[in-house]
Amino acid sequence: MAHVLITGIAGGLAQRVAQKLLGQGHTVVGIDYRHVRTPLEKLTVHRAHYNKTIIEDIFRRENFDVVFHLGRVFSLKEAAGKRFDLNVVGSQKIMNLVVQHKVPSLIVLSTFHIYGAHPSNHIPIAEDEPLRAGLQFPQIADAIQMDNMATTWVYRHPEVKTCVLRPTNIIGPTLHNTLTQFLRLKHVPYLLGFNPMMQFLHEDDMADAILLAWQSQITGVFNVTSDETIPWRTAISLSRAKTFPIVAPVADLFLRATGNFPGYLIDFFRYPCVITDRLFRSKVNFFPRHGLEETLWSAVSAARI
């Protein structure tokens, strides 16, 4: 059985990965800068920033077989400097410690958002496509820098089996990311004149993909997505929300009024960013178990009661 470290353990996806690992008999240690409200039984949790000395102490005491670095900070509630420290400086520290302490495997969670939603995007987007997002929105620059750093790490440190995953929209019943919470609104808007194609991946399927990437010992950069692609307005309908149009010039103000909605995501409701995970599936036996309707409904059903 493996001894596992998971960063970002306060998040729903990290919790699902931990739950699956514990169910398989592995031992799991979790780290997060946030408070973990309901830690799983048999899960050891440390609260710490990823770039602090406590991380060094944990690596020194433990002998990990794999690190799942799932702790990328999405929220714009955090100041840009803090996001940079956590996403870039913190990630670099964790990867350095992986090498220093000879951890055999590293899985890094990135995002398809780094490709950007752009009218020039072709369909589908593979892993070797340029990253357009940083050209339009500096808010995602730290995510792009983290991805670039991890991608470089794959080739600089072949002694570590490093796999970088760029999933599409992950949604599910235990997640509280921006898109999941947006779909849970009673009234979900769309941009007048736009209806881009979108993809959604159930949290359990993404957890399975993460475990498969480790168990298969693959290295490199891989997109991860589901089998179906649908228009945004169809997704709203399947989530059983009421909908209404808003015009593009006021979209930014409206979406910010609904909550902490990052400005760079608005273009994803205007232009398509459809990815292919053909490369990932050529390496591992990955088949999402949840269909599109089930995925959408699982994410919003509790809010519809």
Foldseek 3Di string as FASTA:
>chain_A
DFEEEEEPCLFPLNVLLVVVCVVVPYQYEYEYCDDRDDDDPNYHYDHDQLQDCVVVVVLVVDQGQEYEYENQDDFPVDPLVSNLCRLPVSLVSVLVSCVVSVRAEYEYEAALCQLAFDQPDDPADFPPHDRCLCVPDVSCVSSVNSQVVQQVVLVVCVSHLYEYEHEFAEFFARGDDDVLVLLQDQEHEAAPPAWEKGFYAYSNLVSVLRVQCVVLSHHHYFYDTADDIDTPVVLSVLLVHHYDYDHPVCVVVVSVVVDRDDPSCNSVSHGPHHHDRPVSVVRGVRHGPDDDSRRSNRSHVVSVD
